[in-house]
N, C-alpha and C. Protein backbone atom coordinates (compact mmCIF):
# COMPACT_ATOMS: atom_id res chain seq x y z
N MET A 1 98.32 105.43 91.77
CA MET A 1 97.23 106.28 92.09
C MET A 1 97.73 107.58 92.70
N ALA A 2 99.00 107.85 92.51
CA ALA A 2 99.53 109.10 93.02
C ALA A 2 98.93 110.25 92.23
N HIS A 3 98.43 111.20 92.93
CA HIS A 3 97.74 112.32 92.30
C HIS A 3 98.49 113.61 92.61
N HIS A 4 98.71 114.44 91.60
CA HIS A 4 99.40 115.72 91.77
C HIS A 4 100.77 115.50 92.42
N GLY A 5 101.55 114.58 91.89
CA GLY A 5 102.84 114.26 92.48
C GLY A 5 103.83 115.41 92.37
N HIS A 6 104.78 115.42 93.26
CA HIS A 6 105.85 116.40 93.21
C HIS A 6 106.97 115.84 92.34
N ASN A 7 107.86 116.71 91.87
CA ASN A 7 108.90 116.29 90.95
C ASN A 7 109.79 115.18 91.48
N TRP A 8 109.95 115.06 92.81
CA TRP A 8 110.81 114.03 93.36
C TRP A 8 110.20 112.64 93.25
N THR A 9 108.92 112.52 93.02
CA THR A 9 108.29 111.20 93.02
C THR A 9 108.81 110.29 91.92
N HIS A 10 109.20 110.85 90.79
CA HIS A 10 109.67 110.00 89.69
C HIS A 10 110.93 109.24 90.05
N GLN A 11 111.66 109.69 91.05
CA GLN A 11 112.88 108.99 91.46
C GLN A 11 112.58 107.70 92.20
N TYR A 12 111.39 107.59 92.78
CA TYR A 12 111.06 106.45 93.62
C TYR A 12 110.14 105.44 92.97
N TYR A 13 109.44 105.84 91.93
CA TYR A 13 108.47 104.96 91.29
C TYR A 13 108.78 104.83 89.80
N ARG A 14 108.84 103.58 89.33
CA ARG A 14 109.06 103.36 87.90
C ARG A 14 107.89 103.85 87.08
N GLN A 15 106.70 103.59 87.57
CA GLN A 15 105.48 103.96 86.85
C GLN A 15 104.48 104.50 87.85
N MET A 16 103.78 105.57 87.47
CA MET A 16 102.75 106.15 88.32
C MET A 16 101.46 106.30 87.52
N LEU A 17 100.36 106.24 88.23
CA LEU A 17 99.04 106.46 87.64
C LEU A 17 98.40 107.62 88.38
N ALA A 18 98.05 108.65 87.66
CA ALA A 18 97.36 109.81 88.24
C ALA A 18 95.90 109.72 87.80
N THR A 19 94.99 109.78 88.77
CA THR A 19 93.56 109.70 88.45
C THR A 19 92.85 110.94 88.96
N ASP A 20 91.80 111.30 88.26
CA ASP A 20 90.92 112.38 88.69
C ASP A 20 89.62 112.23 87.91
N ILE A 21 88.55 112.72 88.47
CA ILE A 21 87.26 112.66 87.78
C ILE A 21 87.16 113.74 86.70
N SER A 22 88.02 114.74 86.78
CA SER A 22 87.99 115.87 85.85
C SER A 22 89.04 115.72 84.74
N PRO A 23 88.60 115.57 83.49
CA PRO A 23 89.57 115.52 82.39
C PRO A 23 90.43 116.78 82.32
N GLY A 24 89.86 117.93 82.64
CA GLY A 24 90.62 119.18 82.60
C GLY A 24 91.77 119.20 83.58
N ILE A 25 91.53 118.70 84.78
CA ILE A 25 92.60 118.62 85.78
C ILE A 25 93.70 117.69 85.30
N LEU A 26 93.32 116.56 84.70
CA LEU A 26 94.32 115.62 84.20
C LEU A 26 95.11 116.20 83.04
N GLU A 27 94.46 116.98 82.17
CA GLU A 27 95.18 117.64 81.08
C GLU A 27 96.23 118.59 81.64
N LEU A 28 95.86 119.36 82.65
CA LEU A 28 96.81 120.27 83.29
C LEU A 28 97.95 119.50 83.94
N ALA A 29 97.63 118.42 84.65
CA ALA A 29 98.66 117.60 85.29
C ALA A 29 99.60 116.99 84.24
N ALA A 30 99.06 116.52 83.13
CA ALA A 30 99.89 115.93 82.08
C ALA A 30 100.81 116.99 81.46
N ALA A 31 100.29 118.19 81.26
CA ALA A 31 101.12 119.27 80.72
C ALA A 31 102.25 119.62 81.69
N ASN A 32 101.94 119.67 82.97
CA ASN A 32 102.97 119.96 83.96
C ASN A 32 104.01 118.85 84.02
N ALA A 33 103.57 117.60 83.90
CA ALA A 33 104.50 116.48 83.90
C ALA A 33 105.43 116.55 82.69
N ARG A 34 104.87 116.86 81.52
CA ARG A 34 105.71 116.99 80.31
C ARG A 34 106.74 118.09 80.50
N LYS A 35 106.31 119.24 81.03
CA LYS A 35 107.24 120.36 81.26
C LYS A 35 108.36 119.97 82.21
N ALA A 36 108.04 119.11 83.18
CA ALA A 36 109.03 118.68 84.16
C ALA A 36 109.88 117.51 83.65
N GLY A 37 109.59 117.03 82.45
CA GLY A 37 110.34 115.91 81.88
C GLY A 37 109.97 114.56 82.47
N LEU A 38 108.79 114.46 83.06
CA LEU A 38 108.35 113.20 83.64
C LEU A 38 107.60 112.39 82.59
N ASN A 39 108.11 111.22 82.30
CA ASN A 39 107.47 110.39 81.27
C ASN A 39 107.00 109.05 81.81
N ASN A 40 106.95 108.92 83.13
CA ASN A 40 106.54 107.65 83.72
C ASN A 40 105.19 107.76 84.43
N ILE A 41 104.36 108.70 83.99
CA ILE A 41 103.05 108.89 84.60
C ILE A 41 101.96 108.66 83.57
N GLU A 42 101.04 107.78 83.89
CA GLU A 42 99.84 107.57 83.07
C GLU A 42 98.70 108.37 83.72
N PHE A 43 97.87 108.97 82.91
CA PHE A 43 96.76 109.79 83.41
C PHE A 43 95.45 109.13 83.00
N LYS A 44 94.55 108.98 83.97
CA LYS A 44 93.30 108.26 83.70
C LYS A 44 92.13 108.95 84.40
N VAL A 45 91.09 109.24 83.64
CA VAL A 45 89.86 109.77 84.23
C VAL A 45 89.22 108.63 85.02
N ALA A 46 88.93 108.90 86.30
CA ALA A 46 88.37 107.85 87.16
C ALA A 46 87.53 108.48 88.26
N ASP A 47 86.50 107.78 88.64
CA ASP A 47 85.66 108.14 89.77
C ASP A 47 86.27 107.47 91.00
N ALA A 48 86.69 108.25 91.96
CA ALA A 48 87.38 107.71 93.14
C ALA A 48 86.52 106.71 93.91
N GLU A 49 85.20 106.86 93.84
CA GLU A 49 84.32 105.93 94.55
C GLU A 49 84.09 104.63 93.78
N ASN A 50 84.49 104.60 92.54
CA ASN A 50 84.30 103.42 91.69
C ASN A 50 85.55 103.18 90.86
N LEU A 51 86.68 103.01 91.53
CA LEU A 51 87.94 102.82 90.82
C LEU A 51 87.93 101.53 90.00
N ASP A 52 88.21 101.65 88.73
CA ASP A 52 88.26 100.51 87.84
C ASP A 52 89.74 100.15 87.64
N LEU A 53 90.34 99.61 88.70
CA LEU A 53 91.76 99.26 88.67
C LEU A 53 91.92 97.80 89.05
N SER A 54 92.95 97.18 88.53
CA SER A 54 93.23 95.79 88.87
C SER A 54 93.50 95.64 90.35
N ALA A 55 92.99 94.57 90.92
CA ALA A 55 93.22 94.29 92.34
C ALA A 55 94.68 93.92 92.58
N GLU A 56 95.19 94.31 93.74
CA GLU A 56 96.53 93.96 94.18
C GLU A 56 97.59 94.25 93.12
N ASN A 57 97.54 95.46 92.58
CA ASN A 57 98.42 95.83 91.47
C ASN A 57 99.38 96.97 91.80
N PHE A 58 99.14 97.71 92.89
CA PHE A 58 99.92 98.91 93.18
C PHE A 58 100.75 98.76 94.45
N ASP A 59 101.94 99.35 94.44
CA ASP A 59 102.83 99.34 95.61
C ASP A 59 102.46 100.44 96.61
N THR A 60 101.91 101.53 96.11
CA THR A 60 101.58 102.69 96.94
C THR A 60 100.35 103.36 96.37
N ALA A 61 99.52 103.90 97.26
CA ALA A 61 98.37 104.71 96.83
C ALA A 61 98.42 106.01 97.62
N ILE A 62 98.34 107.12 96.91
CA ILE A 62 98.37 108.44 97.53
C ILE A 62 97.16 109.22 97.03
N CYS A 63 96.39 109.76 97.94
CA CYS A 63 95.27 110.63 97.56
C CYS A 63 95.43 111.92 98.33
N ARG A 64 95.73 112.98 97.60
CA ARG A 64 95.96 114.27 98.23
C ARG A 64 94.76 115.17 97.99
N LEU A 65 94.06 115.47 99.06
CA LEU A 65 92.93 116.39 99.04
C LEU A 65 91.81 115.92 98.12
N GLY A 66 91.49 114.63 98.19
CA GLY A 66 90.41 114.11 97.37
C GLY A 66 89.36 113.32 98.12
N VAL A 67 89.78 112.52 99.09
CA VAL A 67 88.86 111.62 99.79
C VAL A 67 87.68 112.38 100.37
N MET A 68 87.93 113.50 101.00
CA MET A 68 86.87 114.23 101.71
C MET A 68 85.91 114.93 100.76
N LEU A 69 86.22 114.96 99.48
CA LEU A 69 85.32 115.59 98.51
C LEU A 69 84.26 114.63 97.99
N CYS A 70 84.40 113.37 98.33
CA CYS A 70 83.48 112.34 97.83
C CYS A 70 82.35 112.10 98.83
N PRO A 71 81.15 111.84 98.33
CA PRO A 71 80.02 111.57 99.22
C PRO A 71 80.23 110.35 100.12
N ASN A 72 81.01 109.36 99.63
CA ASN A 72 81.23 108.14 100.40
C ASN A 72 82.74 107.89 100.53
N PRO A 73 83.41 108.61 101.47
CA PRO A 73 84.85 108.45 101.62
C PRO A 73 85.30 107.02 101.92
N ALA A 74 84.49 106.27 102.64
CA ALA A 74 84.87 104.89 102.95
C ALA A 74 84.99 104.05 101.68
N LYS A 75 84.14 104.32 100.70
CA LYS A 75 84.19 103.59 99.43
C LYS A 75 85.48 103.92 98.67
N VAL A 76 85.92 105.17 98.77
CA VAL A 76 87.20 105.57 98.15
C VAL A 76 88.35 104.79 98.78
N LEU A 77 88.38 104.76 100.10
CA LEU A 77 89.46 104.06 100.79
C LEU A 77 89.42 102.56 100.53
N ASP A 78 88.22 101.98 100.44
CA ASP A 78 88.09 100.56 100.10
C ASP A 78 88.68 100.28 98.72
N GLY A 79 88.39 101.16 97.75
CA GLY A 79 88.93 100.99 96.40
C GLY A 79 90.44 101.11 96.35
N MET A 80 90.96 102.06 97.10
CA MET A 80 92.43 102.20 97.18
C MET A 80 93.04 100.93 97.77
N HIS A 81 92.44 100.44 98.84
CA HIS A 81 92.96 99.25 99.51
C HIS A 81 92.91 98.03 98.58
N ARG A 82 91.82 97.88 97.84
CA ARG A 82 91.67 96.75 96.92
C ARG A 82 92.76 96.76 95.84
N ALA A 83 93.15 97.95 95.40
CA ALA A 83 94.14 98.06 94.32
C ALA A 83 95.57 97.83 94.79
N LEU A 84 95.77 97.87 96.11
CA LEU A 84 97.13 97.71 96.65
C LEU A 84 97.54 96.25 96.76
N LYS A 85 98.82 96.01 96.51
CA LYS A 85 99.39 94.69 96.76
C LYS A 85 99.39 94.44 98.26
N PRO A 86 99.38 93.17 98.68
CA PRO A 86 99.45 92.88 100.12
C PRO A 86 100.69 93.53 100.74
N GLY A 87 100.49 94.21 101.86
CA GLY A 87 101.60 94.87 102.54
C GLY A 87 101.96 96.24 102.00
N ALA A 88 101.29 96.68 100.93
CA ALA A 88 101.58 97.99 100.35
C ALA A 88 101.04 99.10 101.25
N LYS A 89 101.46 100.31 101.00
CA LYS A 89 101.11 101.45 101.85
C LYS A 89 100.17 102.41 101.13
N ALA A 90 99.34 103.07 101.92
CA ALA A 90 98.44 104.11 101.40
C ALA A 90 98.59 105.36 102.25
N CYS A 91 98.36 106.50 101.64
CA CYS A 91 98.43 107.77 102.33
C CYS A 91 97.32 108.66 101.78
N ALA A 92 96.61 109.34 102.68
CA ALA A 92 95.57 110.28 102.25
C ALA A 92 95.69 111.55 103.06
N LEU A 93 95.71 112.68 102.38
CA LEU A 93 95.71 113.99 103.02
C LEU A 93 94.30 114.54 102.89
N VAL A 94 93.68 114.87 104.01
CA VAL A 94 92.29 115.33 104.01
C VAL A 94 92.15 116.55 104.91
N PHE A 95 91.03 117.24 104.76
CA PHE A 95 90.65 118.30 105.69
C PHE A 95 89.19 118.12 106.05
N SER A 96 88.73 118.88 107.01
CA SER A 96 87.35 118.75 107.49
C SER A 96 86.35 119.07 106.40
N PRO A 97 85.10 118.61 106.58
CA PRO A 97 84.04 118.93 105.61
C PRO A 97 83.83 120.44 105.52
N PRO A 98 83.28 120.91 104.40
CA PRO A 98 83.09 122.35 104.19
C PRO A 98 82.35 123.06 105.33
N ASP A 99 81.41 122.38 105.99
CA ASP A 99 80.67 123.04 107.06
C ASP A 99 81.54 123.30 108.29
N LYS A 100 82.69 122.62 108.38
CA LYS A 100 83.61 122.83 109.49
C LYS A 100 84.89 123.52 109.04
N ASN A 101 85.04 123.73 107.76
CA ASN A 101 86.23 124.35 107.19
C ASN A 101 85.76 125.32 106.11
N LEU A 102 85.37 126.52 106.52
CA LEU A 102 84.74 127.47 105.60
C LEU A 102 85.63 127.84 104.42
N SER A 103 86.93 127.96 104.64
CA SER A 103 87.80 128.33 103.52
C SER A 103 87.79 127.25 102.44
N ALA A 104 87.76 125.98 102.85
CA ALA A 104 87.71 124.90 101.87
C ALA A 104 86.38 124.92 101.13
N GLY A 105 85.30 125.21 101.83
CA GLY A 105 83.99 125.28 101.17
C GLY A 105 83.93 126.35 100.11
N VAL A 106 84.48 127.51 100.40
CA VAL A 106 84.50 128.60 99.42
C VAL A 106 85.36 128.21 98.22
N LEU A 107 86.53 127.61 98.47
CA LEU A 107 87.40 127.19 97.37
C LEU A 107 86.72 126.16 96.48
N MET A 108 86.02 125.20 97.10
CA MET A 108 85.34 124.18 96.31
C MET A 108 84.21 124.78 95.48
N GLN A 109 83.47 125.73 96.05
CA GLN A 109 82.40 126.38 95.29
C GLN A 109 82.97 127.10 94.07
N LEU A 110 84.10 127.77 94.25
CA LEU A 110 84.73 128.45 93.12
C LEU A 110 85.24 127.46 92.08
N ALA A 111 85.85 126.39 92.54
CA ALA A 111 86.35 125.37 91.61
C ALA A 111 85.21 124.77 90.81
N MET A 112 84.13 124.46 91.47
CA MET A 112 82.98 123.85 90.79
C MET A 112 82.37 124.83 89.79
N LYS A 113 82.35 126.10 90.13
CA LYS A 113 81.75 127.12 89.27
C LYS A 113 82.58 127.34 88.01
N HIS A 114 83.90 127.26 88.13
CA HIS A 114 84.79 127.65 87.03
C HIS A 114 85.49 126.48 86.33
N THR A 115 85.09 125.25 86.63
CA THR A 115 85.69 124.09 85.95
C THR A 115 84.58 123.16 85.49
N ASP A 116 84.99 122.04 84.94
CA ASP A 116 84.01 121.06 84.47
C ASP A 116 83.59 120.11 85.59
N MET A 117 83.82 120.50 86.86
CA MET A 117 83.45 119.65 88.00
C MET A 117 81.98 119.79 88.38
N ALA A 118 81.31 120.80 87.88
CA ALA A 118 79.92 121.04 88.28
C ALA A 118 78.98 119.99 87.74
């Protein structure tokens, strides 16, 4: 469930799954992965609040700048936890809601306006 991984991630994971609700974002991520020579990443359109992933199947779950964009962040974290093997680790990078982080709100409005996220 690593999303928007950096080039060093392929050294630590045999297989990675990148998920996003936007097919366009995943197409861009897949193109970047190909350019970087990364061939161990699967890309899957998925709703973070309703992850359709096998239970106890992942060693690590990483969500970078996604949890706080969902109406029900607790449901996202529950889904990540369900997909993890016992004892596995999860990491989430988040920022405050748009009403407390004006720059993030403006960026999200622009993203929604100019992508298929609307």
